[in-house]
């Protein structure tokens, strides 16, 4: 793999449950990542309350300054910084004001220097509120339409990257129809093809992801 090929993401996801890393730990990690020729860092710790549980609340000025420092350090170490938000536990897909709140958060990070983002719908119930079901018909369509609108509004013209994490993000979840029947087929139908997709392979933690399994997913 050409080191200069930025389309191939290889790096670290701070996306675990439990106490998030400290800023100092993150800054030290970036130096190690550069030594290992990794090119991507995704910020999405589950226990940053404003990432997930309190996703509607904007960051304060002091909190944004932490991101400014982290993003600048990523740039110095030739690492792409991605910011992730996980609104799926409580979001009302049929309420336009909810999408505006996600956009407001992304605008905060855009102003802090971030150009790449992720919308994460993992680890949530596979059902929607009744109003959302009436409006969209399926969870996959609701998520995709919101994600497409955010991408079109904020990132498409600027060349920013957006990555989408589906509710069933491995084959076992898909086989169990988590998120509804034909969820992945509907994602393939509705999600903008310029938006990237997270996939962990046959299991939540897979020892390997074969070319054949990825080809099947694409189909």
Protein backbone atom coordinates (compact mmCIF):
# COMPACT_ATOMS: atom_id res chain seq x y z
CA UNK A 1 0.00 0.00 0.00
CA UNK A 2 1.38 3.37 -1.06
CA UNK A 3 2.05 5.43 2.05
CA UNK A 4 0.74 8.49 0.24
CA UNK A 5 -2.61 6.83 -0.59
CA UNK A 6 -4.96 8.62 1.81
CA UNK A 7 -8.00 6.69 0.57
CA UNK A 8 -6.84 3.66 2.57
CA UNK A 9 -7.51 4.41 6.23
CA UNK A 10 -5.29 2.66 8.76
CA UNK A 11 -5.18 3.87 12.29
CA UNK A 12 -6.76 4.01 15.72
CA UNK A 13 -10.36 4.39 16.88
CA UNK A 14 -10.87 5.79 20.35
CA UNK A 15 -14.34 4.30 20.52
CA UNK A 16 -14.46 2.13 23.60
CA UNK A 17 -16.69 2.19 26.70
CA UNK A 18 -15.08 3.43 29.90
CA UNK A 19 -12.90 6.41 30.79
CA UNK A 20 -11.71 8.23 27.65
CA UNK A 21 -8.00 8.79 27.12
CA UNK A 22 -6.48 11.96 28.50
CA UNK A 23 -5.31 14.65 26.11
CA UNK A 24 -1.70 13.81 26.97
CA UNK A 25 -2.27 10.14 26.15
CA UNK A 26 -3.75 11.09 22.79
CA UNK A 27 -0.87 13.39 21.92
CA UNK A 28 1.66 10.69 22.80
CA UNK A 29 -0.32 8.18 20.73
CA UNK A 30 -0.12 10.38 17.63
CA UNK A 31 3.67 10.29 17.72
CA UNK A 32 3.63 6.50 17.92
CA UNK A 33 1.10 6.30 15.10
CA UNK A 34 3.37 8.33 12.85
CA UNK A 35 6.27 5.99 13.60
CA UNK A 36 4.05 3.04 12.61
CA UNK A 37 2.95 4.86 9.42
CA UNK A 38 -0.69 4.93 10.50
CA UNK A 39 -2.71 7.74 8.95
CA UNK A 40 -6.06 8.03 10.75
CA UNK A 41 -7.37 8.77 14.24
CA UNK A 42 -11.11 8.65 14.99
CA UNK A 43 -12.37 10.40 18.11
CA UNK A 44 -15.55 8.72 19.39
CA UNK A 45 -15.18 7.60 23.03
CA UNK A 46 -18.55 6.28 24.20
CA UNK A 47 -18.19 7.96 27.59
CA UNK A 48 -17.65 11.45 26.21
CA UNK A 49 -21.22 12.36 27.12
CA UNK A 50 -21.52 14.86 24.27
CA UNK A 51 -20.50 12.20 21.79
CA UNK A 52 -23.42 9.91 22.66
CA UNK A 53 -25.72 10.39 25.67
CA UNK A 54 -25.82 14.21 25.51
CA UNK A 55 -25.14 14.57 21.79
CA UNK A 56 -27.56 17.50 21.45
CA UNK A 57 -25.43 19.74 23.69
CA UNK A 58 -22.74 21.85 22.03
CA UNK A 59 -19.17 21.86 23.27
CA UNK A 60 -17.99 24.77 25.39
CA UNK A 61 -15.14 27.03 24.32
CA UNK A 62 -12.72 25.22 26.61
CA UNK A 63 -13.78 21.84 25.23
CA UNK A 64 -13.31 23.04 21.67
CA UNK A 65 -9.82 24.27 22.48
CA UNK A 66 -8.90 20.68 23.39
CA UNK A 67 -10.04 19.61 19.92
CA UNK A 68 -8.13 22.44 18.25
CA UNK A 69 -4.92 21.24 19.90
CA UNK A 70 -5.60 17.62 19.00
CA UNK A 71 -6.47 18.40 15.38
CA UNK A 72 -3.34 20.52 14.97
CA UNK A 73 -1.21 17.72 16.41
CA UNK A 74 -2.78 15.28 13.96
CA UNK A 75 -1.89 17.62 11.13
CA UNK A 76 1.69 17.89 12.39
CA UNK A 77 2.00 14.09 12.47
CA UNK A 78 0.38 13.65 9.02
CA UNK A 79 -2.66 11.93 10.52
CA UNK A 80 -6.24 12.48 9.40
CA UNK A 81 -8.48 13.43 12.34
CA UNK A 82 -12.07 12.19 12.26
CA UNK A 83 -14.71 13.32 14.71
CA UNK A 84 -17.56 10.90 15.42
CA UNK A 85 -21.03 11.50 16.85
CA UNK A 86 -23.45 8.77 17.95
CA UNK A 87 -27.01 10.14 18.18
CA UNK A 88 -28.84 6.86 17.62
CA UNK A 89 -30.04 6.15 21.16
CA UNK A 90 -32.47 9.06 21.29
CA UNK A 91 -32.63 10.76 17.89
CA UNK A 92 -35.97 11.47 16.22
CA UNK A 93 -35.23 10.96 12.53
CA UNK A 94 -38.46 12.63 11.35
CA UNK A 95 -37.73 15.84 13.29
CA UNK A 96 -35.69 18.21 11.12
CA UNK A 97 -34.43 20.06 14.19
CA UNK A 98 -32.56 16.92 15.23
CA UNK A 99 -30.55 16.92 12.00
CA UNK A 100 -29.83 20.60 12.55
CA UNK A 101 -28.34 19.74 15.95
CA UNK A 102 -25.97 17.23 14.37
CA UNK A 103 -25.00 19.84 11.79
CA UNK A 104 -24.41 22.39 14.54
CA UNK A 105 -21.99 20.01 16.24
CA UNK A 106 -20.16 19.34 12.98
CA UNK A 107 -19.91 23.08 12.33
CA UNK A 108 -18.23 23.48 15.72
CA UNK A 109 -15.61 20.93 14.70
CA UNK A 110 -15.27 22.40 11.21
CA UNK A 111 -14.45 25.73 12.84
CA UNK A 112 -11.88 23.90 14.99
CA UNK A 113 -10.14 22.61 11.86
CA UNK A 114 -11.72 19.17 11.45
CA UNK A 115 -12.56 18.10 7.90
CA UNK A 116 -13.55 14.45 8.34
CA UNK A 117 -16.45 13.04 10.32
CA UNK A 118 -18.32 9.88 11.26
CA UNK A 119 -21.98 9.27 12.10
CA UNK A 120 -22.27 6.15 14.21
CA UNK A 121 -25.46 4.13 14.63
CA UNK A 122 -23.90 1.14 16.39
CA UNK A 123 -25.02 -0.36 19.70
CA UNK A 124 -28.59 0.95 19.55
CA UNK A 125 -32.03 -0.70 19.47
CA UNK A 126 -33.10 -1.98 16.08
CA UNK A 127 -36.47 -0.23 16.19
CA UNK A 128 -37.66 3.36 15.69
CA UNK A 129 -40.34 5.54 17.21
CA UNK A 130 -43.74 5.26 15.54
CA UNK A 131 -43.49 8.69 13.89
CA UNK A 132 -40.16 7.74 12.33
CA UNK A 133 -41.53 4.42 11.09
CA UNK A 134 -44.41 6.23 9.40
CA UNK A 135 -42.06 8.79 7.82
CA UNK A 136 -39.36 6.41 6.54
CA UNK A 137 -40.60 2.84 6.70
CA UNK A 138 -37.27 1.42 7.83
CA UNK A 139 -34.40 2.25 10.16
CA UNK A 140 -31.87 2.01 7.34
CA UNK A 141 -33.69 4.53 5.18
CA UNK A 142 -34.10 6.96 8.08
CA UNK A 143 -30.40 6.82 8.93
CA UNK A 144 -29.28 7.09 5.32
CA UNK A 145 -31.49 10.04 4.45
CA UNK A 146 -30.25 11.97 7.49
CA UNK A 147 -26.63 11.09 6.76
CA UNK A 148 -26.95 12.03 3.08
CA UNK A 149 -28.48 15.40 3.96
CA UNK A 150 -25.70 16.22 6.40
CA UNK A 151 -23.05 15.20 3.88
CA UNK A 152 -24.64 17.27 1.12
CA UNK A 153 -25.08 20.31 3.35
CA UNK A 154 -21.69 20.41 5.05
CA UNK A 155 -19.06 18.26 3.40
CA UNK A 156 -19.65 17.36 -0.26
CA UNK A 157 -18.55 20.68 -1.73
CA UNK A 158 -15.52 21.04 0.54
CA UNK A 159 -14.27 17.51 -0.15
CA UNK A 160 -14.69 16.45 3.47
CA UNK A 161 -14.89 12.77 4.36
CA UNK A 162 -17.91 11.19 6.05
CA UNK A 163 -18.02 7.63 7.40
CA UNK A 164 -21.26 5.83 8.33
CA UNK A 165 -21.46 3.05 10.91
CA UNK A 166 -24.54 0.88 10.32
CA UNK A 167 -26.56 -0.61 13.15
CA UNK A 168 -25.55 -4.14 12.12
CA UNK A 169 -21.82 -3.58 11.59
CA UNK A 170 -20.73 -7.21 11.30
CA UNK A 171 -22.06 -10.24 9.45
CA UNK A 172 -23.39 -11.96 12.57
CA UNK A 173 -25.54 -8.94 13.40
CA UNK A 174 -26.78 -8.75 9.83
CA UNK A 175 -27.65 -12.46 9.84
CA UNK A 176 -29.68 -11.89 13.02
CA UNK A 177 -31.50 -9.05 11.21
CA UNK A 178 -30.53 -6.47 13.81
CA UNK A 179 -31.88 -3.19 12.48
CA UNK A 180 -34.57 -4.93 10.44
CA UNK A 181 -34.81 -7.23 7.45
CA UNK A 182 -32.81 -6.16 4.40
CA UNK A 183 -31.07 -3.43 6.40
CA UNK A 184 -27.78 -3.64 4.49
CA UNK A 185 -29.54 -3.89 1.14
CA UNK A 186 -31.37 -0.67 1.94
CA UNK A 187 -28.13 1.02 2.99
CA UNK A 188 -26.71 0.02 -0.38
CA UNK A 189 -29.75 1.51 -2.06
CA UNK A 190 -30.08 4.78 -0.13
CA UNK A 191 -26.64 5.80 1.19
CA UNK A 192 -24.69 8.26 -0.97
CA UNK A 193 -21.90 6.30 -2.66
CA UNK A 194 -19.36 8.96 -1.65
CA UNK A 195 -19.92 8.13 2.03
CA UNK A 196 -17.66 5.44 3.48
CA UNK A 197 -18.94 2.53 5.59
CA UNK A 198 -17.59 0.87 8.73
CA UNK A 199 -17.60 -2.95 8.72
CA UNK A 200 -15.88 -5.26 11.23
CA UNK A 201 -16.17 -8.48 9.24
CA UNK A 202 -17.87 -11.72 10.29
CA UNK A 203 -17.80 -10.83 14.00
CA UNK A 204 -17.72 -7.73 16.19
CA UNK A 205 -14.02 -8.44 16.65
CA UNK A 206 -12.77 -10.43 13.65
CA UNK A 207 -9.34 -11.98 13.36
CA UNK A 208 -9.45 -11.40 9.62
CA UNK A 209 -11.73 -9.93 6.97
CA UNK A 210 -11.47 -11.82 3.70
CA UNK A 211 -11.68 -10.28 0.26
CA UNK A 212 -14.56 -12.66 -0.47
CA UNK A 213 -16.61 -11.40 2.48
CA UNK A 214 -16.10 -7.79 1.44
CA UNK A 215 -17.13 -8.66 -2.11
CA UNK A 216 -20.31 -10.26 -0.76
CA UNK A 217 -21.04 -7.15 1.27
CA UNK A 218 -20.64 -4.93 -1.79
CA UNK A 219 -23.16 -7.06 -3.64
